[in-house]
Protein backbone atom coordinates (compact mmCIF):
# COMPACT_ATOMS: atom_id res chain seq x y z
CA MET A 1 25.14 -9.61 -3.80
CA CYS A 2 21.62 -10.11 -4.40
CA CYS A 3 21.30 -7.02 -6.23
CA GLY A 4 23.03 -7.22 -9.58
CA GLY A 5 26.46 -6.72 -7.89
CA HIS A 6 26.02 -3.36 -6.26
CA SER A 7 25.29 -2.71 -2.41
CA HIS A 8 21.76 -2.03 -0.37
CA THR A 9 23.33 1.20 0.26
CA ARG A 10 22.84 2.43 -2.80
CA HIS A 11 19.13 1.56 -2.85
CA THR A 12 18.98 3.31 0.41
CA ALA A 13 20.44 6.76 -0.74
CA HIS A 14 18.50 6.73 -3.87
CA GLN A 15 14.85 6.01 -1.72
CA GLU A 16 15.94 8.59 0.44
CA THR A 17 16.30 11.12 -2.54
CA HIS A 18 12.90 10.39 -3.63
CA ASP A 19 10.86 9.73 -1.26
CA PRO A 20 8.84 12.53 0.23
CA LYS A 21 9.82 14.11 3.75
CA PRO A 22 7.31 13.45 6.39
CA GLY A 23 4.48 16.65 6.65
CA THR A 24 5.64 16.89 2.51
CA GLN A 25 3.06 15.14 1.41
CA VAL A 26 0.09 16.64 -0.46
CA ALA A 27 -2.78 16.47 1.25
CA GLU A 28 -6.16 14.40 -0.23
CA ILE A 29 -8.47 17.07 -1.77
CA ALA A 30 -11.50 17.36 1.10
CA GLN A 31 -14.82 16.75 -0.36
CA SER A 32 -17.52 18.83 0.96
CA CYS A 33 -21.23 18.51 1.10
CA PRO A 34 -23.08 19.77 -1.55
CA ASN A 35 -26.05 21.07 0.43
CA CYS A 36 -24.55 22.76 3.25
CA GLY A 37 -20.81 22.91 2.47
CA SER A 38 -19.50 21.06 5.13
CA PRO A 39 -16.33 19.06 5.02
CA VAL A 40 -17.34 15.17 4.32
CA GLU A 41 -15.32 12.17 4.15
CA ALA A 42 -15.19 9.53 0.98
CA ASP A 43 -16.66 7.13 2.85
CA PHE A 44 -19.65 8.91 4.15
CA ILE A 45 -23.30 8.14 3.33
CA LEU A 46 -25.14 11.04 4.72
CA CYS A 47 -23.62 14.84 5.38
CA PRO A 48 -23.29 14.55 9.68
CA ARG A 49 -24.27 18.21 9.48
CA CYS A 50 -27.23 18.49 7.26
CA GLY A 51 -28.20 14.86 6.12
CA THR A 52 -28.50 14.99 2.75
CA PRO A 53 -27.87 11.82 1.02
CA LEU A 54 -24.12 11.56 -0.36
CA LYS A 55 -24.16 7.57 -1.59
CA ARG A 56 -26.80 5.19 -2.24
CA SER A 57 -27.15 1.47 -2.58
CA CYS A 58 -26.82 0.33 -6.22
CA PRO A 59 -29.55 -2.26 -6.75
CA SER A 60 -27.80 -5.12 -8.64
CA CYS A 61 -24.49 -5.25 -6.28
CA HIS A 62 -26.20 -3.23 -3.32
CA ARG A 63 -22.12 -1.60 -2.75
CA ALA A 64 -22.31 2.20 -2.43
CA VAL A 65 -22.33 4.78 -5.24
CA ASN A 66 -22.20 8.37 -5.03
CA VAL A 67 -26.04 9.72 -5.69
CA ASP A 68 -25.35 11.48 -8.74
CA TRP A 69 -23.95 8.21 -10.79
CA ALA A 70 -25.81 6.87 -13.81
CA ILE A 71 -24.33 3.65 -13.93
CA CYS A 72 -22.37 1.55 -11.17
CA PRO A 73 -18.63 1.23 -11.90
CA TYR A 74 -18.51 -2.08 -9.72
CA CYS A 75 -21.10 -4.26 -11.93
CA GLY A 76 -22.18 -2.03 -15.09
CA SER A 77 -26.11 -1.95 -13.97
CA THR A 78 -27.92 1.15 -14.86
CA LEU A 79 -28.80 3.46 -11.81
CA GLU A 80 -32.48 4.49 -11.73
CA GLU A 81 -32.50 8.49 -10.58
CA SER A 82 -32.72 9.28 -6.84
CA ALA A 83 -35.76 10.20 -5.36
């Protein structure tokens, strides 16, 4: 009786009715290169097709940040305009 006096089969039945069925999960929104439109992964630094920079390094904390961000979300530093 570890669950407030009810059985674990209740948890299992509840979970089965609320968990998405395999194949019904919403796919992550695909990103695309702003230059050529090719699909790119969220962690890509460059487009593998045309070489367009997708991320750059924060000058303070050196984490990868998007090229169009003005402020680093990790350390709060102001990011310089990319050349």
